[in-house]
């Protein structure tokens, strides 16, 4: 008995111009763009209030540089989620 055939993936085998653009993709892109701009502005504004200490600044920028990743991953995951239709 051989392997069980799997159904084709959506959009596979169709020319790119036939695939419908999903509505979540541009919305997710705009959310990411606006969110990252706002996050960067907030991080820089908050950094102005840090004490003049290299270690504190390094830790702050390390944390600020990593904290945007989980929300961005969530938005990207949302854009990739199936609409159910």
PDB file of N, CA and C in Angstrom:
ATOM      1  N   UNK A   1       0.856  -1.176   0.000  1.00  0.00           N
ATOM      2  CA  UNK A   1       0.000   0.000   0.000  1.00  0.00           C
ATOM      3  C   UNK A   1       0.901   1.238   0.000  1.00  0.00           C
ATOM      4  N   UNK A   2       0.659   2.141  -0.920  1.00  0.00           N
ATOM      5  CA  UNK A   2       1.478   3.342  -1.073  1.00  0.00           C
ATOM      6  C   UNK A   2       0.976   4.488  -0.215  1.00  0.00           C
ATOM      7  N   UNK A   3       1.628   5.619  -0.340  1.00  0.00           N
ATOM      8  CA  UNK A   3       1.211   6.791   0.447  1.00  0.00           C
ATOM      9  C   UNK A   3      -0.165   7.296   0.013  1.00  0.00           C
ATOM     10  N   UNK A   4      -0.866   7.834   0.976  1.00  0.00           N
ATOM     11  CA  UNK A   4      -2.201   8.375   0.718  1.00  0.00           C
ATOM     12  C   UNK A   4      -2.041   9.745   0.052  1.00  0.00           C
ATOM     13  N   UNK A   5      -2.685   9.958  -1.106  1.00  0.00           N
ATOM     14  CA  UNK A   5      -2.552  11.268  -1.773  1.00  0.00           C
ATOM     15  C   UNK A   5      -3.193  12.368  -0.940  1.00  0.00           C
ATOM     16  N   UNK A   6      -2.524  13.500  -0.888  1.00  0.00           N
ATOM     17  CA  UNK A   6      -3.012  14.659  -0.144  1.00  0.00           C
ATOM     18  C   UNK A   6      -3.694  15.629  -1.106  1.00  0.00           C
ATOM     19  N   UNK A   7      -4.710  16.349  -0.624  1.00  0.00           N
ATOM     20  CA  UNK A   7      -5.343  17.344  -1.490  1.00  0.00           C
ATOM     21  C   UNK A   7      -4.354  18.470  -1.803  1.00  0.00           C
ATOM     22  N   UNK A   8      -4.486  19.078  -2.973  1.00  0.00           N
ATOM     23  CA  UNK A   8      -3.552  20.166  -3.316  1.00  0.00           C
ATOM     24  C   UNK A   8      -3.755  21.368  -2.409  1.00  0.00           C
ATOM     25  N   UNK A   9      -2.683  22.105  -2.208  1.00  0.00           N
ATOM     26  CA  UNK A   9      -2.753  23.320  -1.401  1.00  0.00           C
ATOM     27  C   UNK A   9      -3.498  24.400  -2.174  1.00  0.00           C
ATOM     28  N   UNK A  10      -4.209  25.288  -1.475  1.00  0.00           N
ATOM     29  CA  UNK A  10      -4.937  26.356  -2.171  1.00  0.00           C
ATOM     30  C   UNK A  10      -3.986  27.246  -2.960  1.00  0.00           C
ATOM     31  N   UNK A  11      -4.327  27.528  -4.168  1.00  0.00           N
ATOM     32  CA  UNK A  11      -3.548  28.437  -4.994  1.00  0.00           C
ATOM     33  C   UNK A  11      -2.397  27.774  -5.729  1.00  0.00           C
ATOM     34  N   UNK A  12      -2.054  26.528  -5.352  1.00  0.00           N
ATOM     35  CA  UNK A  12      -0.953  25.842  -6.018  1.00  0.00           C
ATOM     36  C   UNK A  12      -1.421  25.404  -7.406  1.00  0.00           C
ATOM     37  N   UNK A  13      -0.616  25.653  -8.382  1.00  0.00           N
ATOM     38  CA  UNK A  13      -0.958  25.264  -9.745  1.00  0.00           C
ATOM     39  C   UNK A  13      -1.689  26.347 -10.514  1.00  0.00           C
ATOM     40  N   UNK A  14      -2.067  27.408  -9.845  1.00  0.00           N
ATOM     41  CA  UNK A  14      -2.739  28.511 -10.521  1.00  0.00           C
ATOM     42  C   UNK A  14      -1.721  29.604 -10.815  1.00  0.00           C
ATOM     43  N   UNK A  15      -1.854  30.257 -11.936  1.00  0.00           N
ATOM     44  CA  UNK A  15      -0.953  31.392 -12.189  1.00  0.00           C
ATOM     45  C   UNK A  15      -1.163  32.477 -11.123  1.00  0.00           C
ATOM     46  N   UNK A  16      -0.133  33.245 -10.813  1.00  0.00           N
ATOM     47  CA  UNK A  16      -0.248  34.261  -9.753  1.00  0.00           C
ATOM     48  C   UNK A  16      -1.374  35.261  -9.997  1.00  0.00           C
ATOM     49  N   UNK A  17      -1.673  35.578 -11.239  1.00  0.00           N
ATOM     50  CA  UNK A  17      -2.711  36.567 -11.501  1.00  0.00           C
ATOM     51  C   UNK A  17      -4.114  36.022 -11.271  1.00  0.00           C
ATOM     52  N   UNK A  18      -4.251  34.697 -11.102  1.00  0.00           N
ATOM     53  CA  UNK A  18      -5.564  34.104 -10.860  1.00  0.00           C
ATOM     54  C   UNK A  18      -5.872  34.066  -9.371  1.00  0.00           C
ATOM     55  N   UNK A  19      -4.841  33.971  -8.534  1.00  0.00           N
ATOM     56  CA  UNK A  19      -5.054  33.906  -7.090  1.00  0.00           C
ATOM     57  C   UNK A  19      -5.609  35.235  -6.587  1.00  0.00           C
ATOM     58  N   UNK A  20      -6.643  35.144  -5.791  1.00  0.00           N
ATOM     59  CA  UNK A  20      -7.238  36.353  -5.223  1.00  0.00           C
ATOM     60  C   UNK A  20      -6.379  36.842  -4.063  1.00  0.00           C
ATOM     61  N   UNK A  21      -6.165  38.143  -4.006  1.00  0.00           N
ATOM     62  CA  UNK A  21      -5.422  38.713  -2.894  1.00  0.00           C
ATOM     63  C   UNK A  21      -6.311  38.695  -1.655  1.00  0.00           C
ATOM     64  N   UNK A  22      -5.766  38.223  -0.591  1.00  0.00           N
ATOM     65  CA  UNK A  22      -6.537  38.132   0.635  1.00  0.00           C
ATOM     66  C   UNK A  22      -6.634  39.506   1.269  1.00  0.00           C
ATOM     67  N   UNK A  23      -7.776  39.831   1.804  1.00  0.00           N
ATOM     68  CA  UNK A  23      -8.012  41.164   2.361  1.00  0.00           C
ATOM     69  C   UNK A  23      -7.180  41.412   3.605  1.00  0.00           C
ATOM     70  N   UNK A  24      -6.768  40.353   4.302  1.00  0.00           N
ATOM     71  CA  UNK A  24      -5.997  40.550   5.536  1.00  0.00           C
ATOM     72  C   UNK A  24      -4.567  41.001   5.266  1.00  0.00           C
ATOM     73  N   UNK A  25      -4.032  40.672   4.102  1.00  0.00           N
ATOM     74  CA  UNK A  25      -2.634  40.995   3.813  1.00  0.00           C
ATOM     75  C   UNK A  25      -2.371  42.503   3.800  1.00  0.00           C
ATOM     76  N   UNK A  26      -3.110  43.306   3.033  1.00  0.00           N
ATOM     77  CA  UNK A  26      -2.819  44.744   3.066  1.00  0.00           C
ATOM     78  C   UNK A  26      -3.166  45.388   4.411  1.00  0.00           C
ATOM     79  N   UNK A  27      -4.220  44.909   5.056  1.00  0.00           N
ATOM     80  CA  UNK A  27      -4.579  45.460   6.363  1.00  0.00           C
ATOM     81  C   UNK A  27      -3.486  45.144   7.380  1.00  0.00           C
ATOM     82  N   UNK A  28      -2.995  43.907   7.356  1.00  0.00           N
ATOM     83  CA  UNK A  28      -1.911  43.524   8.262  1.00  0.00           C
ATOM     84  C   UNK A  28      -0.643  44.326   7.998  1.00  0.00           C
ATOM     85  N   UNK A  29      -0.353  44.580   6.730  1.00  0.00           N
ATOM     86  CA  UNK A  29       0.818  45.388   6.402  1.00  0.00           C
ATOM     87  C   UNK A  29       0.700  46.801   6.934  1.00  0.00           C
ATOM     88  N   UNK A  30      -0.480  47.387   6.796  1.00  0.00           N
ATOM     89  CA  UNK A  30      -0.691  48.742   7.318  1.00  0.00           C
ATOM     90  C   UNK A  30      -0.617  48.774   8.843  1.00  0.00           C
ATOM     91  N   UNK A  31      -1.173  47.741   9.478  1.00  0.00           N
ATOM     92  CA  UNK A  31      -1.107  47.660  10.938  1.00  0.00           C
ATOM     93  C   UNK A  31       0.343  47.547  11.391  1.00  0.00           C
ATOM     94  N   UNK A  32       1.126  46.700  10.710  1.00  0.00           N
ATOM     95  CA  UNK A  32       2.543  46.560  11.068  1.00  0.00           C
ATOM     96  C   UNK A  32       3.303  47.863  10.874  1.00  0.00           C
ATOM     97  N   UNK A  33       3.077  48.506   9.747  1.00  0.00           N
ATOM     98  CA  UNK A  33       3.784  49.758   9.467  1.00  0.00           C
ATOM     99  C   UNK A  33       3.451  50.826  10.505  1.00  0.00           C
ATOM    100  N   UNK A  34       2.152  51.044  10.739  1.00  0.00           N
ATOM    101  CA  UNK A  34       1.735  52.059  11.707  1.00  0.00           C
ATOM    102  C   UNK A  34       2.185  51.681  13.124  1.00  0.00           C
ATOM    103  N   UNK A  35       2.072  50.401  13.457  1.00  0.00           N
ATOM    104  CA  UNK A  35       2.465  49.959  14.790  1.00  0.00           C
ATOM    105  C   UNK A  35       3.950  50.119  15.047  1.00  0.00           C
ATOM    106  N   UNK A  36       4.772  49.774  14.062  1.00  0.00           N
ATOM    107  CA  UNK A  36       6.214  49.907  14.255  1.00  0.00           C
ATOM    108  C   UNK A  36       6.651  51.361  14.314  1.00  0.00           C
ATOM    109  N   UNK A  37       6.022  52.213  13.522  1.00  0.00           N
ATOM    110  CA  UNK A  37       6.346  53.641  13.592  1.00  0.00           C
ATOM    111  C   UNK A  37       5.968  54.197  14.964  1.00  0.00           C
ATOM    112  N   UNK A  38       4.779  53.859  15.431  1.00  0.00           N
ATOM    113  CA  UNK A  38       4.339  54.312  16.756  1.00  0.00           C
ATOM    114  C   UNK A  38       5.203  53.741  17.871  1.00  0.00           C
ATOM    115  N   UNK A  39       5.560  52.473  17.752  1.00  0.00           N
ATOM    116  CA  UNK A  39       6.401  51.835  18.765  1.00  0.00           C
ATOM    117  C   UNK A  39       7.777  52.484  18.812  1.00  0.00           C
ATOM    118  N   UNK A  40       8.367  52.736  17.652  1.00  0.00           N
ATOM    119  CA  UNK A  40       9.689  53.371  17.612  1.00  0.00           C
ATOM    120  C   UNK A  40       9.638  54.771  18.211  1.00  0.00           C
ATOM    121  N   UNK A  41       8.585  55.517  17.885  1.00  0.00           N
ATOM    122  CA  UNK A  41       8.457  56.869  18.439  1.00  0.00           C
ATOM    123  C   UNK A  41       8.307  56.816  19.961  1.00  0.00           C
ATOM    124  N   UNK A  42       7.518  55.875  20.455  1.00  0.00           N
ATOM    125  CA  UNK A  42       7.343  55.741  21.899  1.00  0.00           C
ATOM    126  C   UNK A  42       8.639  55.301  22.577  1.00  0.00           C
ATOM    127  N   UNK A  43       9.367  54.373  21.945  1.00  0.00           N
ATOM    128  CA  UNK A  43      10.618  53.887  22.539  1.00  0.00           C
ATOM    129  C   UNK A  43      11.652  55.001  22.625  1.00  0.00           C
ATOM    130  N   UNK A  44      11.736  55.825  21.591  1.00  0.00           N
ATOM    131  CA  UNK A  44      12.702  56.928  21.606  1.00  0.00           C
ATOM    132  C   UNK A  44      12.283  57.986  22.631  1.00  0.00           C
ATOM    133  N   UNK A  45      10.983  58.248  22.713  1.00  0.00           N
ATOM    134  CA  UNK A  45      10.496  59.231  23.688  1.00  0.00           C
ATOM    135  C   UNK A  45      10.773  58.758  25.111  1.00  0.00           C
ATOM    136  N   UNK A  46      10.513  57.485  25.382  1.00  0.00           N
ATOM    137  CA  UNK A  46      10.780  56.952  26.719  1.00  0.00           C
ATOM    138  C   UNK A  46      12.277  56.924  27.017  1.00  0.00           C
ATOM    139  N   UNK A  47      13.087  56.719  25.991  1.00  0.00           N
ATOM    140  CA  UNK A  47      14.537  56.672  26.203  1.00  0.00           C
ATOM    141  C   UNK A  47      15.090  58.016  26.656  1.00  0.00           C
ATOM    142  N   UNK A  48      14.402  59.096  26.323  1.00  0.00           N
ATOM    143  CA  UNK A  48      14.858  60.415  26.774  1.00  0.00           C
ATOM    144  C   UNK A  48      14.835  60.537  28.295  1.00  0.00           C
ATOM    145  N   UNK A  49      13.989  59.772  28.957  1.00  0.00           N
ATOM    146  CA  UNK A  49      13.881  59.841  30.407  1.00  0.00           C
ATOM    147  C   UNK A  49      14.793  58.874  31.143  1.00  0.00           C
ATOM    148  N   UNK A  50      15.605  58.115  30.415  1.00  0.00           N
ATOM    149  CA  UNK A  50      16.508  57.164  31.076  1.00  0.00           C
ATOM    150  C   UNK A  50      17.652  57.891  31.775  1.00  0.00           C
ATOM    151  N   UNK A  51      18.146  57.310  32.862  1.00  0.00           N
ATOM    152  CA  UNK A  51      19.328  57.891  33.496  1.00  0.00           C
ATOM    153  C   UNK A  51      20.542  57.760  32.569  1.00  0.00           C
ATOM    154  N   UNK A  52      21.488  58.623  32.752  1.00  0.00           N
ATOM    155  CA  UNK A  52      22.685  58.644  31.911  1.00  0.00           C
ATOM    156  C   UNK A  52      23.646  57.548  32.373  1.00  0.00           C
ATOM    157  N   UNK A  53      23.267  56.316  32.075  1.00  0.00           N
ATOM    158  CA  UNK A  53      24.043  55.147  32.487  1.00  0.00           C
ATOM    159  C   UNK A  53      24.079  54.193  31.303  1.00  0.00           C
ATOM    160  N   UNK A  54      25.255  53.834  30.847  1.00  0.00           N
ATOM    161  CA  UNK A  54      25.398  52.996  29.663  1.00  0.00           C
ATOM    162  C   UNK A  54      24.738  51.638  29.801  1.00  0.00           C
ATOM    163  N   UNK A  55      24.838  51.027  30.990  1.00  0.00           N
ATOM    164  CA  UNK A  55      24.239  49.715  31.193  1.00  0.00           C
ATOM    165  C   UNK A  55      22.716  49.790  31.132  1.00  0.00           C
ATOM    166  N   UNK A  56      22.141  50.800  31.773  1.00  0.00           N
ATOM    167  CA  UNK A  56      20.685  50.976  31.753  1.00  0.00           C
ATOM    168  C   UNK A  56      20.208  51.207  30.317  1.00  0.00           C
ATOM    169  N   UNK A  57      20.927  52.047  29.584  1.00  0.00           N
ATOM    170  CA  UNK A  57      20.545  52.322  28.201  1.00  0.00           C
ATOM    171  C   UNK A  57      20.657  51.065  27.333  1.00  0.00           C
ATOM    172  N   UNK A  58      21.726  50.296  27.525  1.00  0.00           N
ATOM    173  CA  UNK A  58      21.908  49.073  26.745  1.00  0.00           C
ATOM    174  C   UNK A  58      20.786  48.078  27.023  1.00  0.00           C
ATOM    175  N   UNK A  59      20.436  47.905  28.296  1.00  0.00           N
ATOM    176  CA  UNK A  59      19.351  46.986  28.638  1.00  0.00           C
ATOM    177  C   UNK A  59      18.013  47.473  28.096  1.00  0.00           C
ATOM    178  N   UNK A  60      17.790  48.780  28.174  1.00  0.00           N
ATOM    179  CA  UNK A  60      16.542  49.336  27.653  1.00  0.00           C
ATOM    180  C   UNK A  60      16.432  49.106  26.149  1.00  0.00           C
ATOM    181  N   UNK A  61      17.487  49.425  25.406  1.00  0.00           N
ATOM    182  CA  UNK A  61      17.428  49.263  23.957  1.00  0.00           C
ATOM    183  C   UNK A  61      17.380  47.792  23.553  1.00  0.00           C
ATOM    184  N   UNK A  62      17.984  46.910  24.339  1.00  0.00           N
ATOM    185  CA  UNK A  62      17.859  45.484  24.079  1.00  0.00           C
ATOM    186  C   UNK A  62      16.404  45.047  24.235  1.00  0.00           C
ATOM    187  N   UNK A  63      15.786  45.450  25.348  1.00  0.00           N
ATOM    188  CA  UNK A  63      14.384  45.093  25.580  1.00  0.00           C
ATOM    189  C   UNK A  63      13.473  45.744  24.539  1.00  0.00           C
ATOM    190  N   UNK A  64      13.686  47.021  24.277  1.00  0.00           N
ATOM    191  CA  UNK A  64      12.844  47.721  23.298  1.00  0.00           C
ATOM    192  C   UNK A  64      13.024  47.144  21.901  1.00  0.00           C
ATOM    193  N   UNK A  65      14.216  46.662  21.604  1.00  0.00           N
ATOM    194  CA  UNK A  65      14.463  46.079  20.294  1.00  0.00           C
ATOM    195  C   UNK A  65      13.842  44.717  20.113  1.00  0.00           C
ATOM    196  N   UNK A  66      13.515  44.045  21.203  1.00  0.00           N
ATOM    197  CA  UNK A  66      12.925  42.709  21.112  1.00  0.00           C
ATOM    198  C   UNK A  66      11.424  42.672  21.388  1.00  0.00           C
ATOM    199  N   UNK A  67      10.909  43.644  22.120  1.00  0.00           N
ATOM    200  CA  UNK A  67       9.502  43.603  22.537  1.00  0.00           C
ATOM    201  C   UNK A  67       8.508  43.775  21.395  1.00  0.00           C
ATOM    202  N   UNK A  68       8.930  44.305  20.277  1.00  0.00           N
ATOM    203  CA  UNK A  68       8.005  44.484  19.153  1.00  0.00           C
ATOM    204  C   UNK A  68       7.760  43.174  18.411  1.00  0.00           C
ATOM    205  N   UNK A  69       8.608  42.176  18.616  1.00  0.00           N
ATOM    206  CA  UNK A  69       8.528  40.942  17.827  1.00  0.00           C
ATOM    207  C   UNK A  69       7.250  40.137  18.093  1.00  0.00           C
ATOM    208  N   UNK A  70       6.864  39.839  19.356  1.00  0.00           N
ATOM    209  CA  UNK A  70       5.638  39.046  19.554  1.00  0.00           C
ATOM    210  C   UNK A  70       4.371  39.682  18.956  1.00  0.00           C
ATOM    211  N   UNK A  71       4.141  41.004  19.111  1.00  0.00           N
ATOM    212  CA  UNK A  71       2.961  41.564  18.460  1.00  0.00           C
ATOM    213  C   UNK A  71       3.040  41.479  16.922  1.00  0.00           C
ATOM    214  N   UNK A  72       4.240  41.660  16.372  1.00  0.00           N
ATOM    215  CA  UNK A  72       4.382  41.565  14.918  1.00  0.00           C
ATOM    216  C   UNK A  72       4.111  40.142  14.443  1.00  0.00           C
ATOM    217  N   UNK A  73       4.583  39.151  15.187  1.00  0.00           N
ATOM    218  CA  UNK A  73       4.326  37.756  14.837  1.00  0.00           C
ATOM    219  C   UNK A  73       2.824  37.473  14.900  1.00  0.00           C
ATOM    220  N   UNK A  74       2.149  38.034  15.895  1.00  0.00           N
ATOM    221  CA  UNK A  74       0.698  37.833  16.009  1.00  0.00           C
ATOM    222  C   UNK A  74      -0.035  38.445  14.815  1.00  0.00           C
ATOM    223  N   UNK A  75       0.372  39.624  14.385  1.00  0.00           N
ATOM    224  CA  UNK A  75      -0.280  40.255  13.227  1.00  0.00           C
ATOM    225  C   UNK A  75      -0.005  39.446  11.965  1.00  0.00           C
ATOM    226  N   UNK A  76       1.221  38.995  11.785  1.00  0.00           N
ATOM    227  CA  UNK A  76       1.546  38.194  10.608  1.00  0.00           C
ATOM    228  C   UNK A  76       0.764  36.893  10.632  1.00  0.00           C
ATOM    229  N   UNK A  77       0.651  36.271  11.793  1.00  0.00           N
ATOM    230  CA  UNK A  77      -0.165  35.046  11.919  1.00  0.00           C
ATOM    231  C   UNK A  77      -1.620  35.307  11.574  1.00  0.00           C
ATOM    232  N   UNK A  78      -2.122  36.443  11.985  1.00  0.00           N
ATOM    233  CA  UNK A  78      -3.503  36.808  11.658  1.00  0.00           C
ATOM    234  C   UNK A  78      -3.684  36.963  10.155  1.00  0.00           C
ATOM    235  N   UNK A  79      -2.704  37.567   9.492  1.00  0.00           N
ATOM    236  CA  UNK A  79      -2.827  37.754   8.034  1.00  0.00           C
ATOM    237  C   UNK A  79      -2.781  36.418   7.306  1.00  0.00           C
ATOM    238  N   UNK A  80      -2.127  35.420   7.860  1.00  0.00           N
ATOM    239  CA  UNK A  80      -2.005  34.119   7.200  1.00  0.00           C
ATOM    240  C   UNK A  80      -3.149  33.174   7.519  1.00  0.00           C
ATOM    241  N   UNK A  81      -3.963  33.527   8.514  1.00  0.00           N
ATOM    242  CA  UNK A  81      -5.049  32.645   8.933  1.00  0.00           C
ATOM    243  C   UNK A  81      -6.092  32.520   7.828  1.00  0.00           C
ATOM    244  N   UNK A  82      -6.663  31.348   7.718  1.00  0.00           N
ATOM    245  CA  UNK A  82      -7.671  31.087   6.696  1.00  0.00           C
ATOM    246  C   UNK A  82      -8.970  31.805   7.043  1.00  0.00           C
ATOM    247  N   UNK A  83      -9.589  32.381   6.042  1.00  0.00           N
ATOM    248  CA  UNK A  83     -10.867  33.077   6.236  1.00  0.00           C
ATOM    249  C   UNK A  83     -12.024  32.113   6.421  1.00  0.00           C
ATOM    250  N   UNK A  84     -11.804  30.853   6.165  1.00  0.00           N
ATOM    251  CA  UNK A  84     -12.871  29.865   6.303  1.00  0.00           C
ATOM    252  C   UNK A  84     -13.785  29.810   5.095  1.00  0.00           C
ATOM    253  N   UNK A  85     -13.422  30.488   4.030  1.00  0.00           N
ATOM    254  CA  UNK A  85     -14.296  30.488   2.868  1.00  0.00           C
ATOM    255  C   UNK A  85     -13.687  30.062   1.624  1.00  0.00           C
TER     256      UNK A  85
END
